[in-house]
N, C-alpha and C. Protein backbone atom coordinates (compact mmCIF):
# COMPACT_ATOMS: atom_id res chain seq x y z
N MET A 1 -27.89 137.03 -72.97
CA MET A 1 -27.20 137.25 -71.87
C MET A 1 -26.67 135.67 -71.64
N PHE A 2 -26.20 135.01 -71.38
CA PHE A 2 -25.81 133.71 -71.03
C PHE A 2 -26.48 132.51 -69.63
N PRO A 3 -27.33 131.93 -70.45
CA PRO A 3 -27.74 131.30 -68.80
C PRO A 3 -27.25 130.60 -67.76
N GLN A 4 -27.73 130.91 -66.84
CA GLN A 4 -27.22 131.01 -65.31
C GLN A 4 -27.31 128.97 -65.41
N PRO A 5 -25.53 128.47 -64.92
CA PRO A 5 -25.50 126.84 -64.40
C PRO A 5 -26.78 126.81 -63.17
N PRO A 6 -27.16 125.33 -63.34
CA PRO A 6 -27.81 124.85 -62.12
C PRO A 6 -26.81 125.23 -60.41
N ALA A 7 -27.73 125.77 -59.62
CA ALA A 7 -27.11 125.13 -58.52
C ALA A 7 -26.66 124.13 -57.89
N PRO A 8 -25.25 123.95 -57.71
CA PRO A 8 -24.98 122.65 -57.08
C PRO A 8 -26.22 122.11 -56.37
N THR A 9 -26.12 120.91 -56.02
CA THR A 9 -27.25 120.26 -54.93
C THR A 9 -26.23 120.43 -53.47
N ARG A 10 -26.89 120.98 -52.93
CA ARG A 10 -26.30 120.75 -51.18
C ARG A 10 -26.48 119.47 -50.70
N PRO A 11 -25.55 118.59 -50.11
CA PRO A 11 -26.07 117.30 -49.20
C PRO A 11 -27.32 117.49 -48.32
N LEU A 12 -28.03 116.83 -48.10
CA LEU A 12 -28.60 116.53 -46.74
C LEU A 12 -27.96 115.65 -46.16
N ILE A 13 -27.98 116.70 -44.58
CA ILE A 13 -27.45 115.96 -43.70
C ILE A 13 -27.94 115.83 -42.75
N LEU A 14 -28.81 114.78 -41.90
CA LEU A 14 -29.19 114.54 -40.73
C LEU A 14 -28.69 114.94 -39.30
N LEU A 15 -28.45 115.55 -38.55
CA LEU A 15 -28.13 115.99 -37.73
C LEU A 15 -29.11 115.78 -36.03
N ALA A 16 -28.36 115.03 -34.98
CA ALA A 16 -29.55 113.96 -34.28
C ALA A 16 -28.46 114.42 -32.78
N GLU A 17 -28.67 116.36 -31.82
CA GLU A 17 -28.12 115.71 -31.16
C GLU A 17 -28.76 117.04 -30.27
N ALA A 18 -28.47 116.31 -28.85
CA ALA A 18 -29.46 117.02 -27.60
C ALA A 18 -28.61 118.34 -27.28
N GLU A 19 -27.63 117.93 -26.85
CA GLU A 19 -27.06 119.04 -26.40
C GLU A 19 -26.96 120.53 -27.22
N PRO A 20 -27.88 121.24 -26.87
CA PRO A 20 -28.16 122.57 -27.70
C PRO A 20 -26.63 123.65 -28.16
N PHE A 21 -25.88 123.81 -27.73
CA PHE A 21 -24.10 124.40 -27.40
C PHE A 21 -24.16 123.53 -28.54
N ARG A 22 -23.69 122.09 -28.52
CA ARG A 22 -22.79 121.84 -29.33
C ARG A 22 -23.62 121.12 -31.41
N ALA A 23 -25.05 121.07 -30.65
CA ALA A 23 -26.21 120.95 -31.70
C ALA A 23 -26.06 122.61 -32.90
N ASP A 24 -25.83 123.52 -32.24
CA ASP A 24 -25.76 124.71 -32.88
C ASP A 24 -24.56 125.17 -33.44
N TYR A 25 -23.04 124.65 -33.01
CA TYR A 25 -22.09 124.40 -32.89
C TYR A 25 -21.85 123.79 -34.63
N LEU A 26 -22.40 122.53 -34.31
CA LEU A 26 -22.31 121.70 -35.78
C LEU A 26 -23.01 121.84 -36.59
N ARG A 27 -24.01 122.29 -36.33
CA ARG A 27 -25.27 123.14 -37.14
C ARG A 27 -24.57 124.14 -38.24
N HIS A 28 -24.11 125.18 -37.70
CA HIS A 28 -23.13 126.15 -38.18
C HIS A 28 -22.18 125.46 -38.76
N ALA A 29 -20.97 125.10 -38.37
CA ALA A 29 -20.41 124.48 -39.18
C ALA A 29 -20.12 123.21 -40.35
N LEU A 30 -21.40 123.09 -40.74
CA LEU A 30 -21.56 122.33 -41.48
C LEU A 30 -22.33 123.07 -42.76
N HIS A 31 -23.10 123.69 -42.29
CA HIS A 31 -24.04 124.64 -43.19
C HIS A 31 -22.80 125.32 -43.81
N ASP A 32 -22.00 126.27 -43.31
CA ASP A 32 -20.56 126.85 -43.96
C ASP A 32 -19.84 126.00 -44.87
N ALA A 33 -19.75 124.42 -44.69
CA ALA A 33 -19.08 123.46 -45.11
C ALA A 33 -20.12 123.03 -46.62
N GLY A 34 -21.45 123.91 -46.87
CA GLY A 34 -21.98 123.84 -48.13
C GLY A 34 -22.81 122.47 -47.83
N ASN A 35 -23.39 122.44 -46.51
CA ASN A 35 -24.34 121.37 -46.98
C ASN A 35 -26.06 121.90 -46.02
N GLN A 36 -26.81 120.77 -46.67
CA GLN A 36 -28.30 121.10 -46.11
C GLN A 36 -28.28 120.34 -44.80
N LEU A 37 -29.13 120.46 -44.01
CA LEU A 37 -29.27 120.38 -42.10
C LEU A 37 -30.74 120.29 -42.30
N LEU A 38 -31.00 118.80 -41.56
CA LEU A 38 -32.40 118.51 -40.97
C LEU A 38 -31.96 118.29 -39.62
N GLY A 39 -32.57 119.32 -38.99
CA GLY A 39 -32.08 118.84 -37.04
C GLY A 39 -31.79 120.24 -37.14
N PRO A 40 -31.30 120.62 -36.07
CA PRO A 40 -30.90 118.96 -35.11
C PRO A 40 -32.31 118.70 -34.71
N VAL A 41 -32.29 117.06 -34.82
CA VAL A 41 -32.93 116.85 -33.59
C VAL A 41 -33.35 116.42 -32.37
N ARG A 42 -33.79 116.23 -31.49
CA ARG A 42 -32.75 116.25 -30.19
C ARG A 42 -33.32 115.16 -28.85
N ALA A 43 -34.19 113.92 -29.86
CA ALA A 43 -34.35 113.73 -28.96
C ALA A 43 -34.57 111.93 -29.87
N VAL A 44 -35.14 110.79 -30.02
CA VAL A 44 -35.33 109.78 -30.49
C VAL A 44 -36.53 109.64 -31.32
N ALA A 45 -37.47 109.75 -30.62
CA ALA A 45 -38.69 109.70 -30.95
C ALA A 45 -38.67 111.13 -31.85
N GLU A 46 -38.43 111.69 -32.19
CA GLU A 46 -38.46 113.66 -32.81
C GLU A 46 -37.84 113.02 -33.67
N GLY A 47 -36.38 112.48 -34.32
CA GLY A 47 -35.62 111.77 -35.50
C GLY A 47 -36.30 110.88 -36.18
N LEU A 48 -37.16 109.83 -35.15
CA LEU A 48 -37.59 108.89 -36.19
C LEU A 48 -38.94 109.84 -36.73
N ALA A 49 -39.31 110.19 -36.38
CA ALA A 49 -40.86 110.92 -36.63
C ALA A 49 -40.52 111.50 -37.74
N LEU A 50 -38.95 112.27 -38.02
CA LEU A 50 -39.01 113.09 -39.02
C LEU A 50 -38.51 112.10 -40.37
N LEU A 51 -37.46 111.22 -40.31
CA LEU A 51 -37.01 110.44 -41.37
C LEU A 51 -38.77 109.46 -41.63
N GLY A 52 -39.41 109.09 -41.31
CA GLY A 52 -40.70 108.94 -41.46
C GLY A 52 -41.79 109.69 -42.34
N ASN A 53 -41.02 110.92 -42.05
CA ASN A 53 -41.83 112.24 -42.98
C ASN A 53 -41.25 112.62 -44.39
N LEU A 54 -39.92 112.53 -44.68
CA LEU A 54 -38.98 112.59 -45.64
C LEU A 54 -39.33 112.33 -46.74
N ARG A 55 -39.32 113.08 -48.27
CA ARG A 55 -39.16 112.75 -48.66
C ARG A 55 -38.09 112.45 -50.02
N GLU A 56 -37.20 112.54 -49.27
CA GLU A 56 -35.70 112.29 -49.83
C GLU A 56 -34.95 112.15 -48.42
N ARG A 57 -34.19 110.48 -49.41
CA ARG A 57 -33.27 110.24 -48.34
C ARG A 57 -32.19 110.83 -47.88
N PRO A 58 -31.75 111.23 -46.47
CA PRO A 58 -30.41 112.04 -46.62
C PRO A 58 -29.43 111.43 -46.46
N ALA A 59 -28.16 112.24 -47.47
CA ALA A 59 -26.97 112.19 -48.16
C ALA A 59 -25.98 111.19 -46.83
N ALA A 60 -26.16 111.58 -45.54
CA ALA A 60 -25.56 110.94 -44.41
C ALA A 60 -26.19 111.24 -42.87
N ALA A 61 -26.10 110.86 -41.92
CA ALA A 61 -26.63 111.31 -40.55
C ALA A 61 -25.63 111.55 -39.95
N ILE A 62 -25.50 112.65 -38.90
CA ILE A 62 -24.73 112.68 -37.77
C ILE A 62 -25.61 112.36 -36.57
N VAL A 63 -24.65 110.79 -35.47
CA VAL A 63 -26.20 111.12 -34.58
C VAL A 63 -25.41 110.63 -33.04
N ASN A 64 -25.86 111.26 -32.15
CA ASN A 64 -24.50 110.75 -30.81
C ASN A 64 -26.07 110.42 -29.95
N LEU A 65 -24.60 109.15 -29.68
CA LEU A 65 -24.59 108.12 -29.23
C LEU A 65 -26.13 107.98 -28.31
N ARG A 66 -26.54 109.68 -27.63
CA ARG A 66 -27.03 109.50 -26.47
C ARG A 66 -27.72 110.71 -26.70
N LEU A 67 -28.99 110.57 -26.87
CA LEU A 67 -30.18 111.91 -26.99
C LEU A 67 -31.36 112.05 -25.44
N ALA A 68 -31.47 113.18 -26.25
CA ALA A 68 -32.48 113.26 -24.66
C ALA A 68 -33.61 112.54 -23.82
N ASP A 69 -34.08 111.47 -25.33
CA ASP A 69 -34.99 110.76 -24.65
C ASP A 69 -33.86 109.00 -24.29
N GLY A 70 -32.80 109.26 -24.25
CA GLY A 70 -31.90 107.55 -23.83
C GLY A 70 -30.90 107.63 -25.22
N ALA A 71 -30.78 106.17 -24.75
CA ALA A 71 -29.87 105.49 -25.99
C ALA A 71 -30.35 106.06 -27.24
N ALA A 72 -29.57 106.10 -28.86
CA ALA A 72 -30.26 106.44 -29.86
C ALA A 72 -30.63 105.31 -30.38
N LEU A 73 -30.36 104.21 -29.61
CA LEU A 73 -30.43 102.63 -30.80
C LEU A 73 -31.31 102.83 -32.00
N ALA A 74 -32.52 103.20 -31.30
CA ALA A 74 -33.73 102.90 -32.42
C ALA A 74 -33.63 103.85 -33.65
N LEU A 75 -33.28 104.91 -33.48
CA LEU A 75 -32.84 105.60 -34.41
C LEU A 75 -31.48 105.49 -35.43
N LEU A 76 -30.90 104.91 -34.30
CA LEU A 76 -29.32 104.35 -35.60
C LEU A 76 -29.88 103.22 -36.26
N ASP A 77 -30.60 102.00 -35.45
CA ASP A 77 -30.62 101.30 -36.11
C ASP A 77 -31.93 101.39 -37.71
N THR A 78 -32.53 102.00 -37.46
CA THR A 78 -33.43 102.74 -38.22
C THR A 78 -32.37 103.49 -39.91
N ILE A 79 -31.96 104.17 -39.20
CA ILE A 79 -30.51 105.23 -40.23
C ILE A 79 -29.83 103.64 -40.83
N GLU A 80 -29.33 102.70 -40.16
CA GLU A 80 -28.06 102.14 -40.38
C GLU A 80 -29.18 101.04 -41.85
N ALA A 81 -31.15 100.77 -41.20
CA ALA A 81 -31.06 100.23 -42.52
C ALA A 81 -32.19 100.50 -43.44
N ALA A 82 -31.86 101.66 -43.65
CA ALA A 82 -31.92 102.76 -44.75
C ALA A 82 -30.84 102.84 -45.76
N GLY A 83 -29.70 102.32 -45.50
CA GLY A 83 -28.77 102.20 -45.81
C GLY A 83 -27.73 103.96 -45.94
N VAL A 84 -28.28 104.43 -44.67
CA VAL A 84 -27.88 105.94 -44.99
C VAL A 84 -26.58 106.27 -44.25
N PRO A 85 -25.19 106.29 -44.81
CA PRO A 85 -23.56 106.34 -44.46
C PRO A 85 -24.14 107.32 -42.95
N LEU A 86 -23.41 107.26 -41.95
CA LEU A 86 -23.91 106.90 -40.93
C LEU A 86 -21.79 107.51 -39.94
N LEU A 87 -22.38 108.93 -39.36
CA LEU A 87 -21.58 109.04 -38.19
C LEU A 87 -22.31 109.19 -37.19
N LEU A 88 -21.29 108.18 -35.91
CA LEU A 88 -21.64 108.44 -34.73
C LEU A 88 -20.85 109.57 -34.05
N ILE A 89 -21.48 110.34 -32.86
CA ILE A 89 -20.73 111.25 -32.03
C ILE A 89 -21.12 110.62 -30.94
N GLY A 90 -20.27 111.18 -29.64
CA GLY A 90 -20.54 111.02 -28.40
C GLY A 90 -19.75 111.34 -27.32
N GLU A 91 -19.77 110.78 -26.39
CA GLU A 91 -18.91 111.81 -25.25
C GLU A 91 -17.61 110.92 -24.96
N ALA A 92 -16.26 110.99 -24.61
CA ALA A 92 -15.16 110.45 -24.10
C ALA A 92 -16.24 109.16 -23.50
N GLY A 93 -15.11 107.89 -23.48
CA GLY A 93 -15.57 106.53 -23.02
C GLY A 93 -17.06 106.30 -23.24
N MET A 94 -17.47 106.82 -24.36
CA MET A 94 -18.40 105.85 -24.77
C MET A 94 -17.92 105.07 -26.11
N ALA A 95 -19.09 103.84 -26.08
CA ALA A 95 -18.79 103.28 -27.37
C ALA A 95 -20.13 102.73 -28.02
N PRO A 96 -19.99 102.76 -29.36
CA PRO A 96 -21.25 102.38 -30.36
C PRO A 96 -21.18 100.75 -29.81
N PRO A 97 -22.47 100.89 -30.10
CA PRO A 97 -22.92 99.36 -29.89
C PRO A 97 -22.24 98.08 -31.05
N ALA A 98 -22.28 97.40 -30.79
CA ALA A 98 -21.42 96.01 -31.62
C ALA A 98 -21.50 96.15 -32.88
N HIS A 99 -22.68 96.20 -33.05
CA HIS A 99 -23.51 95.85 -34.90
C HIS A 99 -23.24 97.02 -35.54
N LEU A 100 -22.71 98.42 -34.67
CA LEU A 100 -22.45 99.51 -35.56
C LEU A 100 -20.91 99.98 -35.06
N ALA A 101 -20.01 99.20 -34.36
CA ALA A 101 -18.64 99.33 -34.85
C ALA A 101 -18.29 99.45 -35.47
N HIS A 102 -18.21 99.49 -36.83
CA HIS A 102 -17.53 99.51 -38.39
C HIS A 102 -18.06 100.78 -39.00
N ARG A 103 -18.96 101.82 -38.37
CA ARG A 103 -19.15 102.88 -38.40
C ARG A 103 -18.12 103.83 -37.78
N PRO A 104 -18.10 105.02 -38.43
CA PRO A 104 -16.83 106.10 -38.23
C PRO A 104 -17.50 106.70 -37.26
N CYS A 105 -16.85 106.84 -35.86
CA CYS A 105 -16.97 107.29 -34.30
C CYS A 105 -16.22 108.44 -34.15
N LEU A 106 -16.80 109.61 -34.17
CA LEU A 106 -15.77 110.75 -33.09
C LEU A 106 -16.26 110.79 -31.42
N LEU A 107 -15.10 111.01 -30.28
CA LEU A 107 -15.60 111.27 -29.63
C LEU A 107 -15.04 112.46 -28.67
N ALA A 108 -16.04 113.32 -28.14
CA ALA A 108 -15.47 114.35 -28.04
C ALA A 108 -14.41 114.43 -26.65
N PRO A 109 -13.65 115.90 -26.27
CA PRO A 109 -13.84 116.92 -27.24
C PRO A 109 -13.44 116.91 -28.79
N PHE A 110 -14.43 117.22 -29.80
CA PHE A 110 -14.14 117.07 -30.81
C PHE A 110 -14.57 118.91 -31.59
N ALA A 111 -13.68 118.94 -32.67
CA ALA A 111 -13.71 119.99 -33.46
C ALA A 111 -14.58 120.43 -34.74
N SER A 112 -15.03 121.49 -35.03
CA SER A 112 -15.73 121.47 -36.31
C SER A 112 -14.85 120.64 -37.48
N TYR A 113 -14.19 121.30 -37.52
CA TYR A 113 -13.48 120.55 -38.95
C TYR A 113 -12.90 119.12 -38.79
N GLN A 114 -13.56 118.15 -37.62
CA GLN A 114 -13.17 116.81 -37.67
C GLN A 114 -14.35 116.44 -37.97
N ILE A 115 -16.10 117.03 -37.62
CA ILE A 115 -17.12 116.65 -37.80
C ILE A 115 -17.25 116.67 -39.74
N VAL A 116 -16.59 118.29 -39.74
CA VAL A 116 -16.77 118.44 -41.91
C VAL A 116 -16.15 117.42 -43.00
N GLU A 117 -14.40 117.24 -42.25
CA GLU A 117 -14.07 116.13 -43.07
C GLU A 117 -14.33 114.74 -43.06
N ALA A 118 -15.13 114.42 -41.11
CA ALA A 118 -15.69 113.27 -41.45
C ALA A 118 -17.33 112.95 -42.18
N VAL A 119 -17.54 114.09 -42.25
CA VAL A 119 -18.95 114.07 -43.47
C VAL A 119 -18.25 114.01 -44.59
N ARG A 120 -17.25 115.06 -44.87
CA ARG A 120 -17.05 114.68 -46.82
C ARG A 120 -16.17 113.35 -47.23
N GLN A 121 -15.75 112.40 -46.39
CA GLN A 121 -15.77 111.13 -45.82
C GLN A 121 -16.95 109.92 -46.06
N LEU A 122 -17.89 110.52 -45.74
CA LEU A 122 -18.91 109.52 -46.10
C LEU A 122 -19.45 109.98 -47.27
N LEU A 123 -19.69 110.90 -47.84
CA LEU A 123 -20.40 111.16 -48.98
C LEU A 123 -19.68 110.16 -49.84
N PRO A 124 -18.66 110.06 -50.43
CA PRO A 124 -18.01 109.46 -51.61
C PRO A 124 -18.74 108.04 -51.26
N ALA A 125 -18.15 107.74 -50.19
CA ALA A 125 -18.84 106.42 -49.46
C ALA A 125 -20.38 105.83 -49.64
N ALA A 126 -21.01 107.31 -49.87
CA ALA A 126 -22.60 106.93 -50.00
C ALA A 126 -22.62 106.12 -52.01
N SER A 127 -21.43 106.78 -52.52
CA SER A 127 -21.62 105.87 -53.85
C SER A 127 -21.09 104.58 -53.86
N SER A 128 -19.67 104.55 -53.40
CA SER A 128 -19.12 103.60 -53.65
C SER A 128 -19.31 102.31 -53.04
N ARG A 129 -20.01 102.83 -51.37
CA ARG A 129 -20.30 101.97 -50.46
C ARG A 129 -19.44 101.56 -49.39
N THR A 130 -18.43 102.37 -49.16
CA THR A 130 -17.49 101.85 -48.81
C THR A 130 -17.13 102.93 -47.79
N ALA A 131 -17.07 102.20 -46.29
CA ALA A 131 -16.76 103.48 -45.23
C ALA A 131 -15.48 102.77 -44.39
N HIS A 132 -14.51 104.10 -43.99
CA HIS A 132 -13.39 103.39 -42.93
C HIS A 132 -13.62 103.89 -41.48
N ALA A 133 -13.85 102.76 -40.32
CA ALA A 133 -14.09 103.28 -39.69
C ALA A 133 -13.11 103.90 -38.54
N TYR A 134 -13.13 104.51 -37.81
CA TYR A 134 -12.42 105.36 -36.75
C TYR A 134 -12.69 105.78 -35.62
N VAL A 135 -12.25 106.09 -34.28
CA VAL A 135 -12.52 106.74 -32.83
C VAL A 135 -11.29 107.87 -33.30
N VAL A 136 -12.00 109.19 -32.96
CA VAL A 136 -11.10 110.06 -32.16
C VAL A 136 -11.57 110.07 -30.97
N GLU A 137 -10.79 109.86 -30.07
CA GLU A 137 -10.78 110.38 -28.76
C GLU A 137 -10.23 111.81 -27.89
N GLY A 138 -10.43 112.87 -27.22
CA GLY A 138 -9.82 113.57 -26.96
C GLY A 138 -9.28 114.55 -27.76
N GLU A 139 -9.05 114.49 -28.64
CA GLU A 139 -8.29 115.87 -29.53
C GLU A 139 -9.13 116.99 -29.90
N GLN A 140 -8.63 118.20 -29.34
CA GLN A 140 -8.89 119.39 -28.94
C GLN A 140 -8.46 120.38 -30.72
N GLY A 141 -8.82 121.05 -30.43
CA GLY A 141 -8.60 122.51 -32.04
C GLY A 141 -10.50 123.36 -32.03
N GLY A 142 -10.30 124.07 -33.44
CA GLY A 142 -11.12 125.01 -33.19
C GLY A 142 -11.48 124.52 -34.66
């Protein structure tokens, strides 16, 4: 018999989202797109604890600007300092902190395909160290 080729590695993506429906929606979409998920974490403290215990750096992170215990700034800064490609998400009218304005940001309502595509764009950026900033607000779809 022929040996089986090694299974392709699935990118490890950290998801930080406090709203249960959206977290589940994104978790399923990202998993179906071939990603391995960390989370969802619902609070800044939970995300910081998870990052502190990881053996492997995530390939990318998706973080809502506001989590269950408030603004996600401490988590965002930790992810930024670690050099992890970052996708910001939030509610319509939110704005990322000025020092993260260069990071891609999707504002609700957004569709799962938009998150999946944004993550795909982040992953090559992890190796080439180039990322394109954009903000999408108010697009609907499924």
